[in-house]
Structures are given as structure tokens and as C-alpha cells.
C-alpha atoms as a PDB file:
ATOM      1  CA  MET A   1       0.000   0.000   0.000  1.00  0.00           C
ATOM      2  CA  GLY A   2       1.397   3.342  -1.008  1.00  0.00           C
ATOM      3  CA  ARG A   3       1.441   6.639   0.789  1.00  0.00           C
ATOM      4  CA  LYS A   4      -1.301   9.117   0.011  1.00  0.00           C
ATOM      5  CA  ARG A   5       0.295  12.276   1.406  1.00  0.00           C
ATOM      6  CA  ARG A   6       2.196  13.573  -1.582  1.00  0.00           C
ATOM      7  CA  ALA A   7       0.744  17.089  -1.339  1.00  0.00           C
ATOM      8  CA  GLU A   8       1.841  17.446   2.321  1.00  0.00           C
ATOM      9  CA  ASP A   9       5.321  16.137   1.512  1.00  0.00           C
ATOM     10  CA  ALA A  10       5.680  18.697  -1.252  1.00  0.00           C
ATOM     11  CA  GLU A  11       4.729  21.519   1.146  1.00  0.00           C
ATOM     12  CA  ASP A  12       7.268  20.315   3.712  1.00  0.00           C
ATOM     13  CA  GLN A  13       9.990  20.275   1.058  1.00  0.00           C
ATOM     14  CA  VAL A  14       9.177  23.827   0.018  1.00  0.00           C
ATOM     15  CA  THR A  15       9.406  25.125   3.584  1.00  0.00           C
ATOM     16  CA  LYS A  16      12.798  23.445   4.085  1.00  0.00           C
ATOM     17  CA  ASP A  17      14.092  25.060   0.905  1.00  0.00           C
ATOM     18  CA  GLU A  18      12.766  28.449   1.972  1.00  0.00           C
ATOM     19  CA  ALA A  19      14.453  28.136   5.365  1.00  0.00           C
ATOM     20  CA  ALA A  20      17.764  27.375   3.634  1.00  0.00           C
ATOM     21  CA  GLU A  21      17.362  30.457   1.461  1.00  0.00           C
ATOM     22  CA  ASP A  22      16.852  32.650   4.526  1.00  0.00           C
ATOM     23  CA  GLY A  23      20.411  31.862   5.595  1.00  0.00           C
ATOM     24  CA  ARG A  24      19.413  30.003   8.734  1.00  0.00           C
ATOM     25  CA  ARG A  25      21.428  27.023   9.809  1.00  0.00           C
ATOM     26  CA  SER A  26      19.798  23.817  10.784  1.00  0.00           C
ATOM     27  CA  GLY A  27      20.192  22.632  14.347  1.00  0.00           C
ATOM     28  CA  ARG A  28      22.338  19.752  13.152  1.00  0.00           C
ATOM     29  CA  GLY A  29      24.763  22.094  11.397  1.00  0.00           C
ATOM     30  CA  ARG A  30      25.100  24.280  14.483  1.00  0.00           C
ATOM     31  CA  LYS A  31      25.789  21.244  16.662  1.00  0.00           C
ATOM     32  CA  LEU A  32      28.402  20.058  14.215  1.00  0.00           C
ATOM     33  CA  ALA A  33      30.094  23.461  14.244  1.00  0.00           C
ATOM     34  CA  VAL A  34      30.179  23.498  18.059  1.00  0.00           C
ATOM     35  CA  LEU A  35      31.580  19.960  18.210  1.00  0.00           C
ATOM     36  CA  LEU A  36      34.292  20.823  15.694  1.00  0.00           C
ATOM     37  CA  ALA A  37      35.216  23.922  17.683  1.00  0.00           C
ATOM     38  CA  LEU A  38      35.443  21.909  20.898  1.00  0.00           C
ATOM     39  CA  ALA A  39      37.566  19.262  19.195  1.00  0.00           C
ATOM     40  CA  GLY A  40      39.894  21.965  17.916  1.00  0.00           C
ATOM     41  CA  VAL A  41      40.281  23.496  21.370  1.00  0.00           C
ATOM     42  CA  ALA A  42      40.928  20.072  22.914  1.00  0.00           C
ATOM     43  CA  THR A  43      43.567  19.297  20.278  1.00  0.00           C
ATOM     44  CA  TRP A  44      45.222  22.660  20.827  1.00  0.00           C
ATOM     45  CA  LEU A  45      45.348  22.127  24.597  1.00  0.00           C
ATOM     46  CA  VAL A  46      46.842  18.642  24.285  1.00  0.00           C
ATOM     47  CA  ARG A  47      49.538  19.831  21.887  1.00  0.00           C
ATOM     48  CA  ARG A  48      50.322  22.850  24.054  1.00  0.00           C
ATOM     49  CA  ASN A  49      50.721  20.649  27.126  1.00  0.00           C
ATOM     50  CA  GLN A  50      52.927  18.225  25.203  1.00  0.00           C
ATOM     51  CA  ARG A  51      55.181  21.073  24.078  1.00  0.00           C
ATOM     52  CA  LYS A  52      55.419  22.381  27.636  1.00  0.00           C
ATOM     53  CA  ALA A  53      56.267  18.899  28.906  1.00  0.00           C
ATOM     54  CA  GLU A  54      58.992  18.489  26.286  1.00  0.00           C
ATOM     55  CA  ILE A  55      60.506  21.842  27.210  1.00  0.00           C
ATOM     56  CA  ASP A  56      60.404  21.036  30.938  1.00  0.00           C
ATOM     57  CA  GLU A  57      61.841  17.580  30.332  1.00  0.00           C
ATOM     58  CA  GLY A  58      64.669  19.048  28.270  1.00  0.00           C
ATOM     59  CA  ILE A  59      65.494  21.606  30.941  1.00  0.00           C
ATOM     60  CA  TRP A  60      65.682  19.025  33.706  1.00  0.00           C
ATOM     61  CA  HIS A  61      67.690  16.502  31.718  1.00  0.00           C
ATOM     62  CA  GLU A  62      70.157  19.002  30.319  1.00  0.00           C
ATOM     63  CA  ALA A  63      70.824  20.858  33.556  1.00  0.00           C
ATOM     64  CA  PRO A  64      74.440  20.607  34.716  1.00  0.00           C
ATOM     65  CA  ALA A  65      75.234  18.827  37.949  1.00  0.00           C
ATOM     66  CA  PRO A  66      75.685  21.155  40.898  1.00  0.00           C
ATOM     67  CA  ALA A  67      79.256  22.054  41.732  1.00  0.00           C
ATOM     68  CA  PRO A  68      80.641  20.435  44.868  1.00  0.00           C
ATOM     69  CA  THR A  69      80.776  22.782  47.836  1.00  0.00           C
ATOM     70  CA  GLN A  70      84.058  23.746  49.411  1.00  0.00           C
ATOM     71  CA  PRO A  71      84.703  22.427  52.918  1.00  0.00           C
ATOM     72  CA  SER A  72      84.294  25.116  55.528  1.00  0.00           C
ATOM     73  CA  ALA A  73      87.250  26.317  57.570  1.00  0.00           C
ATOM     74  CA  VAL A  74      85.256  26.127  60.811  1.00  0.00           C
ATOM     75  CA  PRO A  75      85.057  22.614  62.316  1.00  0.00           C
ATOM     76  CA  THR A  76      81.472  21.450  62.871  1.00  0.00           C
ATOM     77  CA  SER A  77      82.171  19.059  65.750  1.00  0.00           C
END
């Protein structure tokens, strides 16, 4: 048995096309844009933290050993 609502379907299609012409975004497109923005921020934060960790790791590993202290002239015991 076929559908008998062809006239209503045609009206729905026209309203969707008109909404697209108005320059409005669909809710799905807005959600996608927000998710992409959040993913970009998360990626940026992870990379920034990795760069900071590499810099800190390099500083600690490349630091020279402390110089030995000179013995004091005053006896401690």
C-alpha cells in the first residue's frame, strides 16, 4: 500500500528550501560546528601541554650537575 500524502510532503519540502534560502542554519549544522570547535580546542590544549612537557623535560635533563661545595674552615664538631 502506497502513501497518500504527496501534497503534504511537497509543502514540507518547500518550507525546508525556503528556510535554507533565509540563511538560517539547521540545528544539526550548528551542533556540528560546536563539536568541531570543541575538538579543535581540545587538540590545541593537548599539543600545548605536550610542548610544555617536552621543554620542561629538556630543561631538567640538560641541567648541569651542581658544583661540589668547598669544605668550611670552621670545624662542625
